[in-house]
Amino acid sequence: MVKSVYPLKFVRENGVKLGTPCFCICNLLTFLNFDRPLMLQGHSRAITQIKYNREGDLIFSAAKDASPCVWFSHNGERLGTFDGHNGTVWCIDVDWKTQQLLSGGGDMSIRLWDCETGKELTQLERDSPVRTSLFSYSGNMVVYSTDAAMSKPCEIFLADVRDPDQLGESVTRITVEGPKITALLWGPLDHTLITGHDSGKLTQWDLRTNKIITTVEDHQANINDMQASKDGTMFITASKDHTSKLFDMDTLECLKTYKTERPVNSGCISPNLEHVCLGGGQEAMEVTTTATSQGKFEARFFHLVFEEEFARVKGHFGPINSLGFHPGGTQYTSGAEDGYLRVHNFDQSYFDYKYDFYIKIYGFCLCNFSISLIR
């Protein structure tokens, strides 16, 4: 179900209701007229992360049930599972050629898999749970981070995986002082690394010197997710402080802020339209005490530039933990605490719709003119 959250709205100035709309969006029930979504049921516990491969024909998912899955994106058929972990799988990533899958979990291991056969290529045990993992753009390098636990500090590891046996031969090992890492991204040309922390801090690292370049603290609580734009010039964060923010990849300058009423667990940027999609909802531990309608488990669409929310998509029965746009922008997938993946395909009207920002500009100018006449 999709509903408009911004019907025709009027400006008030000094208590006077003016007749000119400052912003208007057409009927979104037709604008986002989704077909029935594909419901992917294969996990027995909450989804932790989902990823599309580069071509967009496969969806990889991880959950708290220890077995990452791979699915066809066009029909929801499950190809198989990657069996070997002994606990929650917190993070997954697939390389550029869809040849290898990287996964890390609460069993304190990082594992490399063959995507075609599902065979485990190599496994490495660490001293604490592996929270994040990511292939570099080239696919030659991987980075992963471990939690601060059991008197062990939070650490960042980088390794060359052109030979899978080299996963344990870390090129770089960085000890992180202070709040632990909860999300990370490669920077431009794989020369830098951007980490998000449970305090809301963002840190940019120079991988040639292993030194911190800059730190910003625009968020006030845990950063749950970070995802880059298609061109790699920007990235979006999702935070427990009920906001999602758009940052410049080079400078970490905060460009836009998208506000909600609940913690945001994941956010992604459309590859071909100026849209962002956010997911989250009420804390998982409080779900059983509140009605679904109050939990706000919808996927929420915002305009990238104007920060205006224009649609919501319901369906999950728990907080959305991970979101991802298809690389072609033709669909998006959400994974939630209820253990389901929902694949929504956009219809043609979604692509035909043009955001008429001239309405907003025209309305603003006309409102000011009307106010001056009243005065």
Protein backbone atom coordinates (compact mmCIF):
# COMPACT_ATOMS: atom_id res chain seq x y z
CA MET A 1 0.00 0.00 0.00
CA VAL A 2 1.35 3.42 -0.96
CA LYS A 3 -0.09 6.62 0.40
CA SER A 4 0.63 10.29 -0.10
CA VAL A 5 1.99 12.05 2.94
CA TYR A 6 1.94 15.48 1.31
CA PRO A 7 -1.56 16.33 -0.01
CA LEU A 8 -2.35 19.88 -1.10
CA LYS A 9 -0.98 22.20 1.56
CA PHE A 10 -1.46 25.91 2.16
CA VAL A 11 0.85 28.51 3.64
CA ARG A 12 -0.19 30.52 6.68
CA GLU A 13 1.31 33.93 7.28
CA ASN A 14 0.28 35.97 10.33
CA GLY A 15 -2.71 33.67 10.78
CA VAL A 16 -4.01 34.31 7.25
CA LYS A 17 -4.67 31.21 5.15
CA LEU A 18 -3.64 31.93 1.56
CA GLY A 19 -5.22 30.26 -1.40
CA THR A 20 -2.02 29.48 -3.26
CA PRO A 21 -0.47 26.05 -2.65
CA CYS A 22 3.19 26.14 -1.72
CA PHE A 23 3.67 22.51 -2.71
CA CYS A 24 1.57 19.92 -4.45
CA ILE A 25 2.21 16.36 -5.57
CA CYS A 26 -0.09 14.40 -7.81
CA ASN A 27 -1.96 11.32 -6.63
CA LEU A 28 0.74 8.96 -5.45
CA LEU A 29 -1.60 6.00 -5.43
CA THR A 30 -1.11 6.03 -9.20
CA PHE A 31 2.44 7.42 -9.11
CA LEU A 32 3.82 4.43 -7.17
CA ASN A 33 1.42 1.76 -8.32
CA PHE A 34 3.44 -1.35 -7.48
CA ASP A 35 2.51 -4.81 -8.59
CA ARG A 36 2.24 -7.34 -5.79
CA PRO A 37 5.76 -7.63 -4.33
CA LEU A 38 7.77 -10.82 -4.34
CA MET A 39 7.92 -12.28 -0.83
CA LEU A 40 11.18 -14.16 -0.31
CA GLN A 41 10.98 -16.57 2.59
CA GLY A 42 14.10 -18.55 3.34
CA HIS A 43 15.50 -17.15 6.56
CA SER A 44 14.26 -18.24 9.96
CA ARG A 45 15.41 -15.13 11.80
CA ALA A 46 15.79 -11.39 11.27
CA ILE A 47 17.48 -10.08 8.11
CA THR A 48 20.71 -8.19 8.79
CA GLN A 49 21.89 -7.12 5.31
CA ILE A 50 20.99 -7.44 1.62
CA LYS A 51 23.13 -6.75 -1.46
CA TYR A 52 22.55 -6.80 -5.22
CA ASN A 53 25.33 -7.93 -7.51
CA ARG A 54 26.55 -5.51 -10.20
CA GLU A 55 24.23 -6.83 -12.93
CA GLY A 56 21.25 -6.86 -10.58
CA ASP A 57 20.12 -10.38 -11.44
CA LEU A 58 21.04 -11.74 -7.99
CA ILE A 59 20.17 -10.70 -4.45
CA PHE A 60 22.37 -11.82 -1.56
CA SER A 61 20.94 -11.77 1.95
CA ALA A 62 22.29 -12.35 5.45
CA ALA A 63 20.37 -12.97 8.65
CA LYS A 64 20.73 -14.05 12.24
CA ASP A 65 20.19 -17.69 11.20
CA ALA A 66 23.82 -18.30 10.15
CA SER A 67 23.18 -19.12 6.45
CA PRO A 68 23.44 -16.34 3.82
CA CYS A 69 21.17 -16.90 0.81
CA VAL A 70 21.25 -15.97 -2.88
CA TRP A 71 18.08 -15.34 -4.93
CA PHE A 72 17.06 -14.49 -8.49
CA SER A 73 15.82 -10.89 -8.43
CA HIS A 74 13.32 -11.28 -11.29
CA ASN A 75 11.23 -14.09 -9.77
CA GLY A 76 12.40 -14.53 -6.16
CA GLU A 77 13.63 -18.08 -6.65
CA ARG A 78 16.30 -19.10 -4.15
CA LEU A 79 19.43 -20.54 -5.75
CA GLY A 80 21.00 -21.78 -2.53
CA THR A 81 22.67 -21.00 0.76
CA PHE A 82 26.22 -20.54 2.02
CA ASP A 83 26.49 -22.86 5.01
CA GLY A 84 29.33 -22.69 7.50
CA HIS A 85 28.80 -19.88 10.00
CA ASN A 86 27.88 -20.80 13.57
CA GLY A 87 26.01 -17.66 14.53
CA THR A 88 24.54 -14.40 13.31
CA VAL A 89 25.92 -13.18 9.98
CA TRP A 90 26.18 -9.42 10.34
CA CYS A 91 27.63 -8.44 6.97
CA ILE A 92 28.02 -9.65 3.39
CA ASP A 93 29.37 -8.27 0.14
CA VAL A 94 29.81 -9.58 -3.39
CA ASP A 95 32.66 -8.64 -5.70
CA TRP A 96 32.40 -6.83 -9.05
CA LYS A 97 32.40 -10.02 -11.13
CA THR A 98 30.03 -11.98 -8.86
CA GLN A 99 32.73 -14.58 -8.34
CA GLN A 100 33.28 -14.29 -4.59
CA LEU A 101 31.15 -13.53 -1.56
CA LEU A 102 32.53 -12.11 1.68
CA SER A 103 30.73 -12.64 4.99
CA GLY A 104 31.43 -11.90 8.62
CA GLY A 105 29.51 -12.73 11.74
CA GLY A 106 29.02 -13.14 15.43
CA ASP A 107 30.95 -16.41 15.42
CA MET A 108 34.08 -14.23 15.19
CA SER A 109 34.98 -15.37 11.68
CA ILE A 110 35.39 -13.79 8.26
CA ARG A 111 34.76 -16.13 5.31
CA LEU A 112 35.26 -16.04 1.55
CA TRP A 113 32.93 -18.07 -0.69
CA ASP A 114 32.72 -19.13 -4.32
CA CYS A 115 29.47 -17.60 -5.64
CA GLU A 116 28.89 -20.26 -8.30
CA THR A 117 29.30 -23.37 -6.17
CA GLY A 118 28.67 -22.05 -2.65
CA LYS A 119 31.96 -23.59 -1.56
CA GLU A 120 33.89 -21.94 1.24
CA LEU A 121 37.26 -20.82 -0.11
CA THR A 122 38.84 -19.69 3.12
CA GLN A 123 37.99 -18.89 6.72
CA LEU A 124 39.73 -16.75 9.28
CA GLU A 125 39.02 -16.61 13.01
CA ARG A 126 39.24 -13.30 14.85
CA ASP A 127 39.17 -12.34 18.54
CA SER A 128 35.75 -10.65 18.42
CA PRO A 129 32.65 -10.54 16.18
CA VAL A 130 33.09 -9.24 12.62
CA ARG A 131 30.67 -6.34 12.19
CA THR A 132 31.34 -4.97 8.68
CA SER A 133 32.98 -6.23 5.48
CA LEU A 134 33.39 -4.83 1.99
CA PHE A 135 35.16 -5.52 -1.30
CA SER A 136 37.13 -2.71 -2.90
CA TYR A 137 35.97 -1.37 -6.28
CA SER A 138 38.59 -3.51 -8.06
CA GLY A 139 37.64 -6.59 -6.07
CA ASN A 140 41.30 -7.21 -5.26
CA MET A 141 41.13 -5.96 -1.69
CA VAL A 142 38.72 -6.45 1.20
CA VAL A 143 38.24 -4.48 4.39
CA TYR A 144 36.45 -5.64 7.50
CA SER A 145 36.13 -4.50 11.08
CA THR A 146 35.73 -6.30 14.40
CA ASP A 147 33.83 -5.20 17.50
CA ALA A 148 35.34 -4.06 20.74
CA ALA A 149 34.52 -7.04 22.95
CA MET A 150 36.07 -9.30 25.57
CA SER A 151 38.84 -6.78 26.33
CA LYS A 152 39.71 -6.66 22.61
CA PRO A 153 39.72 -3.30 20.81
CA CYS A 154 37.78 -2.47 17.66
CA GLU A 155 40.07 -3.08 14.67
CA ILE A 156 40.13 -2.54 10.91
CA PHE A 157 41.73 -5.17 8.67
CA LEU A 158 42.65 -4.88 4.99
CA ALA A 159 43.71 -7.88 2.93
CA ASP A 160 44.51 -8.82 -0.67
CA VAL A 161 42.19 -11.62 -1.84
CA ARG A 162 43.42 -12.26 -5.38
CA ASP A 163 44.69 -15.43 -3.75
CA PRO A 164 41.96 -16.54 -1.28
CA ASP A 165 44.60 -18.02 1.02
CA GLN A 166 45.90 -14.50 1.62
CA LEU A 167 42.77 -13.39 3.49
CA GLY A 168 44.62 -13.92 6.76
CA GLU A 169 47.66 -11.98 5.57
CA SER A 170 46.49 -8.48 6.47
CA VAL A 171 48.14 -5.70 4.50
CA THR A 172 46.98 -3.20 7.11
CA ARG A 173 45.70 -3.53 10.67
CA ILE A 174 44.38 -0.42 12.39
CA THR A 175 43.34 -0.22 16.02
CA VAL A 176 40.37 2.11 16.51
CA GLU A 177 40.28 4.10 19.71
CA GLY A 178 36.88 5.10 21.08
CA PRO A 179 33.44 4.10 19.73
CA LYS A 180 33.27 0.91 17.68
CA ILE A 181 32.69 0.83 13.91
CA THR A 182 29.16 -0.01 12.79
CA ALA A 183 29.40 0.79 9.04
CA LEU A 184 32.11 1.49 6.48
CA LEU A 185 32.72 2.49 2.85
CA TRP A 186 35.67 2.66 0.50
CA GLY A 187 36.55 6.21 -0.60
CA PRO A 188 37.54 7.40 -4.09
CA LEU A 189 40.15 5.24 -5.85
CA ASP A 190 40.32 3.01 -2.77
CA HIS A 191 42.80 5.44 -1.22
CA THR A 192 40.58 6.30 1.72
CA LEU A 193 38.14 4.58 4.03
CA ILE A 194 35.07 6.10 5.69
CA THR A 195 33.82 4.56 8.93
CA GLY A 196 30.60 5.19 10.85
CA HIS A 197 30.59 4.66 14.61
CA ASP A 198 28.06 3.87 17.31
CA SER A 199 28.46 7.38 18.72
CA GLY A 200 27.29 8.97 15.46
CA LYS A 201 30.82 9.96 14.42
CA LEU A 202 32.10 9.68 10.83
CA THR A 203 35.83 9.23 10.28
CA GLN A 204 37.84 9.39 7.06
CA TRP A 205 41.09 7.38 6.99
CA ASP A 206 44.08 7.72 4.66
CA LEU A 207 45.04 4.13 3.83
CA ARG A 208 48.50 5.14 2.65
CA THR A 209 49.47 6.48 6.08
CA ASN A 210 46.82 4.78 8.27
CA LYS A 211 46.04 8.19 9.75
CA ILE A 212 42.75 9.98 10.29
CA ILE A 213 42.12 12.73 7.74
CA THR A 214 38.96 14.24 9.21
CA THR A 215 36.14 13.51 11.61
CA VAL A 216 32.59 14.89 11.70
CA GLU A 217 29.83 14.42 14.25
CA ASP A 218 26.60 15.36 12.47
CA HIS A 219 24.68 12.40 13.92
CA GLN A 220 23.74 12.14 17.59
CA ALA A 221 23.41 8.36 17.82
CA ASN A 222 24.53 5.06 16.30
CA ILE A 223 25.09 4.99 12.51
CA ASN A 224 23.40 1.79 11.36
CA ASP A 225 24.16 1.87 7.63
CA MET A 226 26.06 3.74 4.92
CA GLN A 227 25.56 3.33 1.16
CA ALA A 228 27.26 5.16 -1.71
CA SER A 229 25.64 6.74 -4.75
CA LYS A 230 26.12 5.10 -8.14
CA ASP A 231 28.87 7.54 -9.17
CA GLY A 232 30.60 7.34 -5.80
CA THR A 233 30.56 11.10 -5.16
CA MET A 234 28.08 10.97 -2.26
CA PHE A 235 26.86 8.55 0.36
CA ILE A 236 23.84 8.29 2.61
CA THR A 237 23.80 7.35 6.28
CA ALA A 238 21.06 5.87 8.45
CA SER A 239 21.08 6.60 12.16
CA LYS A 240 19.32 5.75 15.38
CA ASP A 241 18.81 9.50 15.94
CA HIS A 242 15.77 9.33 13.57
CA THR A 243 17.58 10.98 10.66
CA SER A 244 19.36 10.03 7.48
CA LYS A 245 21.95 12.36 5.98
CA LEU A 246 23.62 12.83 2.60
CA PHE A 247 27.38 13.47 2.69
CA ASP A 248 30.04 14.42 0.18
CA MET A 249 32.43 11.48 -0.23
CA ASP A 250 35.59 13.61 -0.37
CA THR A 251 34.98 16.22 2.32
CA LEU A 252 32.33 14.57 4.58
CA GLU A 253 30.29 17.76 4.25
CA CYS A 254 26.65 17.17 5.20
CA LEU A 255 24.56 18.10 2.15
CA LYS A 256 21.02 17.05 3.05
CA THR A 257 19.06 15.73 6.05
CA TYR A 258 15.98 13.49 5.89
CA LYS A 259 13.96 13.43 9.12
CA THR A 260 11.65 10.69 10.42
CA GLU A 261 9.90 9.84 13.70
CA ARG A 262 11.62 6.50 14.28
CA PRO A 263 15.19 5.12 14.19
CA VAL A 264 16.48 4.71 10.62
CA ASN A 265 18.23 1.37 10.06
CA SER A 266 19.05 1.62 6.35
CA GLY A 267 19.05 4.07 3.48
CA CYS A 268 19.85 3.86 -0.24
CA ILE A 269 20.07 6.22 -3.22
CA SER A 270 18.31 5.56 -6.51
CA PRO A 271 20.85 5.02 -9.32
CA ASN A 272 18.82 6.87 -11.97
CA LEU A 273 16.38 9.22 -10.18
CA GLU A 274 16.71 11.87 -7.48
CA HIS A 275 15.10 9.65 -4.86
CA VAL A 276 16.28 8.11 -1.62
CA CYS A 277 14.60 5.27 0.24
CA LEU A 278 14.77 4.90 4.02
CA GLY A 279 13.75 2.02 6.25
CA GLY A 280 13.63 1.43 9.96
CA GLY A 281 10.91 1.65 12.55
CA GLN A 282 10.39 1.08 16.19
CA GLU A 283 13.08 -0.71 18.20
CA ALA A 284 12.84 -4.47 17.66
CA MET A 285 12.61 -5.17 21.41
CA GLU A 286 9.45 -3.02 21.63
CA VAL A 287 7.64 -4.43 18.60
CA THR A 288 5.51 -6.91 20.55
CA THR A 289 4.05 -4.18 22.74
CA THR A 290 2.81 -1.92 19.95
CA ALA A 291 0.44 -2.20 16.99
CA THR A 292 1.96 -2.53 13.52
CA SER A 293 0.49 0.80 12.45
CA GLN A 294 2.34 2.56 15.28
CA GLY A 295 5.65 0.85 14.63
CA LYS A 296 6.11 2.70 11.31
CA PHE A 297 7.70 -0.20 9.47
CA GLU A 298 7.26 1.41 6.05
CA ALA A 299 9.86 2.06 3.40
CA ARG A 300 9.83 5.83 3.00
CA PHE A 301 10.71 7.71 -0.19
CA PHE A 302 12.24 11.21 -0.11
CA HIS A 303 13.31 13.57 -2.84
CA LEU A 304 17.10 13.70 -2.86
CA VAL A 305 17.34 17.48 -3.30
CA PHE A 306 14.25 18.92 -1.61
CA GLU A 307 14.26 16.52 1.37
CA GLU A 308 10.49 16.10 0.97
CA GLU A 309 8.90 12.75 1.81
CA PHE A 310 6.46 11.80 -0.94
CA ALA A 311 5.47 8.16 -0.42
CA ARG A 312 5.48 5.19 1.95
CA VAL A 313 5.28 1.49 1.23
CA LYS A 314 3.91 -0.82 3.91
CA GLY A 315 4.20 -4.58 4.20
CA HIS A 316 6.71 -5.70 6.83
CA PHE A 317 5.71 -6.76 10.34
CA GLY A 318 8.88 -5.54 11.99
CA PRO A 319 11.58 -2.89 11.61
CA ILE A 320 13.27 -2.77 8.19
CA ASN A 321 16.94 -3.60 8.74
CA SER A 322 18.33 -3.33 5.21
CA LEU A 323 17.41 -1.75 1.86
CA GLY A 324 18.87 -1.85 -1.62
CA PHE A 325 18.02 -0.41 -5.03
CA HIS A 326 18.46 -2.57 -8.12
CA PRO A 327 21.53 -1.27 -10.05
CA GLY A 328 19.20 -0.36 -12.92
CA GLY A 329 16.72 1.37 -10.63
CA THR A 330 13.87 -0.90 -11.74
CA GLN A 331 13.12 -2.31 -8.28
CA TYR A 332 14.12 -2.18 -4.65
CA THR A 333 14.36 -4.86 -1.97
CA SER A 334 13.79 -4.56 1.76
CA GLY A 335 14.72 -7.02 4.51
CA ALA A 336 13.25 -6.80 7.99
CA GLU A 337 13.09 -8.18 11.48
CA ASP A 338 10.25 -10.48 10.39
CA GLY A 339 12.74 -12.55 8.35
CA TYR A 340 11.19 -11.73 4.96
CA LEU A 341 12.62 -10.03 1.90
CA ARG A 342 10.17 -8.01 -0.18
CA VAL A 343 11.09 -7.22 -3.80
CA HIS A 344 9.08 -4.31 -5.25
CA ASN A 345 9.15 -3.72 -9.01
CA PHE A 346 8.41 -0.17 -10.19
CA ASP A 347 5.86 0.27 -12.95
CA GLN A 348 6.27 2.65 -15.90
CA SER A 349 4.42 5.51 -14.23
CA TYR A 350 7.20 5.69 -11.63
CA PHE A 351 9.71 6.56 -14.36
CA ASP A 352 7.33 8.82 -16.31
CA TYR A 353 6.61 10.98 -13.28
CA LYS A 354 8.61 14.21 -13.13
CA TYR A 355 9.01 16.11 -9.89
CA ASP A 356 7.62 19.54 -10.74
CA PHE A 357 9.69 21.72 -8.48
CA TYR A 358 8.48 24.74 -10.43
CA ILE A 359 5.19 24.38 -8.56
CA LYS A 360 7.03 24.93 -5.32
CA ILE A 361 9.00 27.90 -6.64
CA TYR A 362 5.95 29.47 -8.28
CA GLY A 363 3.83 28.94 -5.17
CA PHE A 364 6.48 30.47 -2.93
CA CYS A 365 6.81 33.58 -5.10
CA LEU A 366 3.05 34.03 -5.45
CA CYS A 367 2.56 33.58 -1.70
CA ASN A 368 5.09 36.33 -0.97
CA PHE A 369 3.35 38.59 -3.48
CA SER A 370 -0.04 37.90 -1.84
CA ILE A 371 1.37 38.63 1.61
CA SER A 372 2.75 41.97 0.43
CA LEU A 373 -0.70 42.90 -0.94
CA ILE A 374 -2.40 41.97 2.34
CA ARG A 375 0.01 44.12 4.27
